């Protein structure tokens, strides 16, 4: 999940440098969504990970 975030962030940066504003905004929005999903899943795994093992 974090890998997709980095990929879309790099696409957004390259598109922004080349002047493709719409593509850069779209890729940055997708990267932000993937990052939030990653953070939520990470927190859930920290909270519920130990409960399942015990």
PDB file of N, CA and C in Angstrom:
ATOM      1  N   UNK A   1       0.832  -1.186   0.000  1.00  0.00           N
ATOM      2  CA  UNK A   1       0.000   0.000   0.000  1.00  0.00           C
ATOM      3  C   UNK A   1       0.879   1.253   0.000  1.00  0.00           C
ATOM      4  N   UNK A   2       1.897   1.235   0.821  1.00  0.00           N
ATOM      5  CA  UNK A   2       2.788   2.388   0.888  1.00  0.00           C
ATOM      6  C   UNK A   2       3.563   2.542  -0.418  1.00  0.00           C
ATOM      7  N   UNK A   3       3.789   1.432  -1.092  1.00  0.00           N
ATOM      8  CA  UNK A   3       4.494   1.476  -2.383  1.00  0.00           C
ATOM      9  C   UNK A   3       3.678   2.248  -3.423  1.00  0.00           C
ATOM     10  N   UNK A   4       2.363   2.015  -3.460  1.00  0.00           N
ATOM     11  CA  UNK A   4       1.508   2.743  -4.390  1.00  0.00           C
ATOM     12  C   UNK A   4       1.482   4.232  -4.074  1.00  0.00           C
ATOM     13  N   UNK A   5       1.533   4.571  -2.796  1.00  0.00           N
ATOM     14  CA  UNK A   5       1.560   5.968  -2.405  1.00  0.00           C
ATOM     15  C   UNK A   5       2.794   6.653  -2.958  1.00  0.00           C
ATOM     16  N   UNK A   6       3.940   6.011  -2.817  1.00  0.00           N
ATOM     17  CA  UNK A   6       5.183   6.593  -3.313  1.00  0.00           C
ATOM     18  C   UNK A   6       5.167   6.694  -4.837  1.00  0.00           C
ATOM     19  N   UNK A   7       4.636   5.695  -5.503  1.00  0.00           N
ATOM     20  CA  UNK A   7       4.576   5.715  -6.970  1.00  0.00           C
ATOM     21  C   UNK A   7       3.716   6.877  -7.454  1.00  0.00           C
ATOM     22  N   UNK A   8       2.523   7.053  -6.870  1.00  0.00           N
ATOM     23  CA  UNK A   8       1.659   8.142  -7.304  1.00  0.00           C
ATOM     24  C   UNK A   8       2.228   9.496  -6.917  1.00  0.00           C
ATOM     25  N   UNK A   9       2.961   9.572  -5.803  1.00  0.00           N
ATOM     26  CA  UNK A   9       3.605  10.818  -5.423  1.00  0.00           C
ATOM     27  C   UNK A   9       4.692  11.200  -6.429  1.00  0.00           C
ATOM     28  N   UNK A  10       5.463  10.232  -6.872  1.00  0.00           N
ATOM     29  CA  UNK A  10       6.494  10.497  -7.881  1.00  0.00           C
ATOM     30  C   UNK A  10       5.856  10.914  -9.202  1.00  0.00           C
ATOM     31  N   UNK A  11       4.769  10.258  -9.585  1.00  0.00           N
ATOM     32  CA  UNK A  11       4.050  10.652 -10.804  1.00  0.00           C
ATOM     33  C   UNK A  11       3.547  12.085 -10.690  1.00  0.00           C
ATOM     34  N   UNK A  12       3.030  12.454  -9.524  1.00  0.00           N
ATOM     35  CA  UNK A  12       2.525  13.806  -9.317  1.00  0.00           C
ATOM     36  C   UNK A  12       3.644  14.832  -9.412  1.00  0.00           C
ATOM     37  N   UNK A  13       4.797  14.517  -8.845  1.00  0.00           N
ATOM     38  CA  UNK A  13       5.921  15.450  -8.899  1.00  0.00           C
ATOM     39  C   UNK A  13       6.424  15.627 -10.326  1.00  0.00           C
ATOM     40  N   UNK A  14       6.572  14.533 -11.057  1.00  0.00           N
ATOM     41  CA  UNK A  14       7.042  14.604 -12.438  1.00  0.00           C
ATOM     42  C   UNK A  14       6.037  15.338 -13.310  1.00  0.00           C
ATOM     43  N   UNK A  15       4.755  15.051 -13.137  1.00  0.00           N
ATOM     44  CA  UNK A  15       3.728  15.730 -13.927  1.00  0.00           C
ATOM     45  C   UNK A  15       3.692  17.216 -13.590  1.00  0.00           C
ATOM     46  N   UNK A  16       3.901  17.571 -12.338  1.00  0.00           N
ATOM     47  CA  UNK A  16       3.933  18.978 -11.957  1.00  0.00           C
ATOM     48  C   UNK A  16       5.108  19.712 -12.565  1.00  0.00           C
ATOM     49  N   UNK A  17       6.264  19.053 -12.613  1.00  0.00           N
ATOM     50  CA  UNK A  17       7.450  19.669 -13.212  1.00  0.00           C
ATOM     51  C   UNK A  17       7.256  19.863 -14.706  1.00  0.00           C
ATOM     52  N   UNK A  18       6.622  18.905 -15.358  1.00  0.00           N
ATOM     53  CA  UNK A  18       6.418  18.989 -16.803  1.00  0.00           C
ATOM     54  C   UNK A  18       5.239  19.883 -17.192  1.00  0.00           C
ATOM     55  N   UNK A  19       4.480  20.327 -16.233  1.00  0.00           N
ATOM     56  CA  UNK A  19       3.395  21.263 -16.516  1.00  0.00           C
ATOM     57  C   UNK A  19       2.028  20.641 -16.712  1.00  0.00           C
ATOM     58  N   UNK A  20       1.890  19.386 -16.411  1.00  0.00           N
ATOM     59  CA  UNK A  20       0.593  18.735 -16.514  1.00  0.00           C
ATOM     60  C   UNK A  20      -0.137  18.888 -15.176  1.00  0.00           C
ATOM     61  N   UNK A  21      -0.789  20.005 -14.990  1.00  0.00           N
ATOM     62  CA  UNK A  21      -1.410  20.330 -13.709  1.00  0.00           C
ATOM     63  C   UNK A  21      -2.520  19.381 -13.316  1.00  0.00           C
ATOM     64  N   UNK A  22      -3.385  19.027 -14.254  1.00  0.00           N
ATOM     65  CA  UNK A  22      -4.502  18.139 -13.954  1.00  0.00           C
ATOM     66  C   UNK A  22      -4.048  16.758 -13.549  1.00  0.00           C
ATOM     67  N   UNK A  23      -3.058  16.238 -14.252  1.00  0.00           N
ATOM     68  CA  UNK A  23      -2.524  14.911 -13.924  1.00  0.00           C
ATOM     69  C   UNK A  23      -1.841  14.944 -12.562  1.00  0.00           C
ATOM     70  N   UNK A  24      -1.115  16.020 -12.289  1.00  0.00           N
ATOM     71  CA  UNK A  24      -0.415  16.143 -11.008  1.00  0.00           C
ATOM     72  C   UNK A  24      -1.396  16.191  -9.848  1.00  0.00           C
ATOM     73  N   UNK A  25      -2.471  16.936 -10.006  1.00  0.00           N
ATOM     74  CA  UNK A  25      -3.478  17.030  -8.936  1.00  0.00           C
ATOM     75  C   UNK A  25      -4.157  15.684  -8.728  1.00  0.00           C
ATOM     76  N   UNK A  26      -4.488  15.005  -9.802  1.00  0.00           N
ATOM     77  CA  UNK A  26      -5.128  13.695  -9.693  1.00  0.00           C
ATOM     78  C   UNK A  26      -4.225  12.666  -9.042  1.00  0.00           C
ATOM     79  N   UNK A  27      -2.960  12.623  -9.446  1.00  0.00           N
ATOM     80  CA  UNK A  27      -2.026  11.659  -8.865  1.00  0.00           C
ATOM     81  C   UNK A  27      -1.757  11.971  -7.399  1.00  0.00           C
ATOM     82  N   UNK A  28      -1.682  13.245  -7.058  1.00  0.00           N
ATOM     83  CA  UNK A  28      -1.470  13.612  -5.654  1.00  0.00           C
ATOM     84  C   UNK A  28      -2.679  13.231  -4.799  1.00  0.00           C
ATOM     85  N   UNK A  29      -3.873  13.381  -5.348  1.00  0.00           N
ATOM     86  CA  UNK A  29      -5.086  13.005  -4.607  1.00  0.00           C
ATOM     87  C   UNK A  29      -5.130  11.498  -4.375  1.00  0.00           C
ATOM     88  N   UNK A  30      -4.774  10.730  -5.385  1.00  0.00           N
ATOM     89  CA  UNK A  30      -4.742   9.271  -5.243  1.00  0.00           C
ATOM     90  C   UNK A  30      -3.683   8.863  -4.229  1.00  0.00           C
ATOM     91  N   UNK A  31      -2.515   9.505  -4.269  1.00  0.00           N
ATOM     92  CA  UNK A  31      -1.455   9.196  -3.314  1.00  0.00           C
ATOM     93  C   UNK A  31      -1.906   9.502  -1.889  1.00  0.00           C
ATOM     94  N   UNK A  32      -2.646  10.607  -1.714  1.00  0.00           N
ATOM     95  CA  UNK A  32      -3.114  10.961  -0.379  1.00  0.00           C
ATOM     96  C   UNK A  32      -4.136   9.937   0.127  1.00  0.00           C
ATOM     97  N   UNK A  33      -5.021   9.476  -0.736  1.00  0.00           N
ATOM     98  CA  UNK A  33      -6.013   8.477  -0.347  1.00  0.00           C
ATOM     99  C   UNK A  33      -5.331   7.166   0.046  1.00  0.00           C
ATOM    100  N   UNK A  34      -4.370   6.716  -0.764  1.00  0.00           N
ATOM    101  CA  UNK A  34      -3.644   5.490  -0.442  1.00  0.00           C
ATOM    102  C   UNK A  34      -2.889   5.628   0.873  1.00  0.00           C
ATOM    103  N   UNK A  35      -2.313   6.808   1.124  1.00  0.00           N
ATOM    104  CA  UNK A  35      -1.578   7.018   2.366  1.00  0.00           C
ATOM    105  C   UNK A  35      -2.499   6.925   3.571  1.00  0.00           C
ATOM    106  N   UNK A  36      -3.681   7.535   3.494  1.00  0.00           N
ATOM    107  CA  UNK A  36      -4.618   7.464   4.614  1.00  0.00           C
ATOM    108  C   UNK A  36      -5.107   6.034   4.854  1.00  0.00           C
ATOM    109  N   UNK A  37      -5.352   5.295   3.786  1.00  0.00           N
ATOM    110  CA  UNK A  37      -5.754   3.895   3.933  1.00  0.00           C
ATOM    111  C   UNK A  37      -4.636   3.100   4.595  1.00  0.00           C
ATOM    112  N   UNK A  38      -3.387   3.356   4.186  1.00  0.00           N
ATOM    113  CA  UNK A  38      -2.249   2.676   4.781  1.00  0.00           C
ATOM    114  C   UNK A  38      -2.146   2.980   6.272  1.00  0.00           C
ATOM    115  N   UNK A  39      -2.304   4.232   6.651  1.00  0.00           N
ATOM    116  CA  UNK A  39      -2.209   4.610   8.060  1.00  0.00           C
ATOM    117  C   UNK A  39      -3.316   3.946   8.878  1.00  0.00           C
ATOM    118  N   UNK A  40      -4.531   3.928   8.357  1.00  0.00           N
ATOM    119  CA  UNK A  40      -5.644   3.298   9.071  1.00  0.00           C
ATOM    120  C   UNK A  40      -5.397   1.806   9.244  1.00  0.00           C
ATOM    121  N   UNK A  41      -4.949   1.121   8.200  1.00  0.00           N
ATOM    122  CA  UNK A  41      -4.671  -0.306   8.305  1.00  0.00           C
ATOM    123  C   UNK A  41      -3.510  -0.587   9.257  1.00  0.00           C
ATOM    124  N   UNK A  42      -2.515   0.287   9.258  1.00  0.00           N
ATOM    125  CA  UNK A  42      -1.382   0.126  10.159  1.00  0.00           C
ATOM    126  C   UNK A  42      -1.815   0.261  11.618  1.00  0.00           C
ATOM    127  N   UNK A  43      -2.628   1.257  11.907  1.00  0.00           N
ATOM    128  CA  UNK A  43      -3.119   1.453  13.276  1.00  0.00           C
ATOM    129  C   UNK A  43      -3.998   0.283  13.703  1.00  0.00           C
ATOM    130  N   UNK A  44      -4.850  -0.190  12.811  1.00  0.00           N
ATOM    131  CA  UNK A  44      -5.693  -1.346  13.133  1.00  0.00           C
ATOM    132  C   UNK A  44      -4.847  -2.581  13.411  1.00  0.00           C
ATOM    133  N   UNK A  45      -3.787  -2.776  12.658  1.00  0.00           N
ATOM    134  CA  UNK A  45      -2.940  -3.940  12.899  1.00  0.00           C
ATOM    135  C   UNK A  45      -2.185  -3.812  14.215  1.00  0.00           C
ATOM    136  N   UNK A  46      -1.836  -2.595  14.620  1.00  0.00           N
ATOM    137  CA  UNK A  46      -1.198  -2.412  15.920  1.00  0.00           C
ATOM    138  C   UNK A  46      -2.167  -2.685  17.058  1.00  0.00           C
ATOM    139  N   UNK A  47      -3.402  -2.231  16.909  1.00  0.00           N
ATOM    140  CA  UNK A  47      -4.382  -2.378  17.977  1.00  0.00           C
ATOM    141  C   UNK A  47      -4.879  -3.816  18.080  1.00  0.00           C
ATOM    142  N   UNK A  48      -5.241  -4.405  16.972  1.00  0.00           N
ATOM    143  CA  UNK A  48      -5.874  -5.728  16.977  1.00  0.00           C
ATOM    144  C   UNK A  48      -4.890  -6.874  16.767  1.00  0.00           C
ATOM    145  N   UNK A  49      -3.661  -6.602  16.440  1.00  0.00           N
ATOM    146  CA  UNK A  49      -2.679  -7.650  16.160  1.00  0.00           C
ATOM    147  C   UNK A  49      -2.382  -8.502  17.359  1.00  0.00           C
ATOM    148  N   UNK A  50      -2.224  -7.893  18.527  1.00  0.00           N
ATOM    149  CA  UNK A  50      -1.901  -8.642  19.725  1.00  0.00           C
ATOM    150  C   UNK A  50      -3.099  -9.401  20.274  1.00  0.00           C
ATOM    151  N   UNK A  51      -4.286  -8.928  20.036  1.00  0.00           N
ATOM    152  CA  UNK A  51      -5.483  -9.591  20.550  1.00  0.00           C
ATOM    153  C   UNK A  51      -5.733 -10.921  19.850  1.00  0.00           C
ATOM    154  N   UNK A  52      -5.420 -11.000  18.600  1.00  0.00           N
ATOM    155  CA  UNK A  52      -5.654 -12.236  17.850  1.00  0.00           C
ATOM    156  C   UNK A  52      -4.666 -13.310  18.276  1.00  0.00           C
ATOM    157  N   UNK A  53      -3.421 -12.940  18.546  1.00  0.00           N
ATOM    158  CA  UNK A  53      -2.392 -13.919  18.929  1.00  0.00           C
ATOM    159  C   UNK A  53      -2.650 -14.502  20.312  1.00  0.00           C
ATOM    160  N   UNK A  54      -3.173 -13.721  21.209  1.00  0.00           N
ATOM    161  CA  UNK A  54      -3.364 -14.200  22.597  1.00  0.00           C
ATOM    162  C   UNK A  54      -4.643 -14.910  22.686  1.00  0.00           C
TER     163      UNK A  54
END
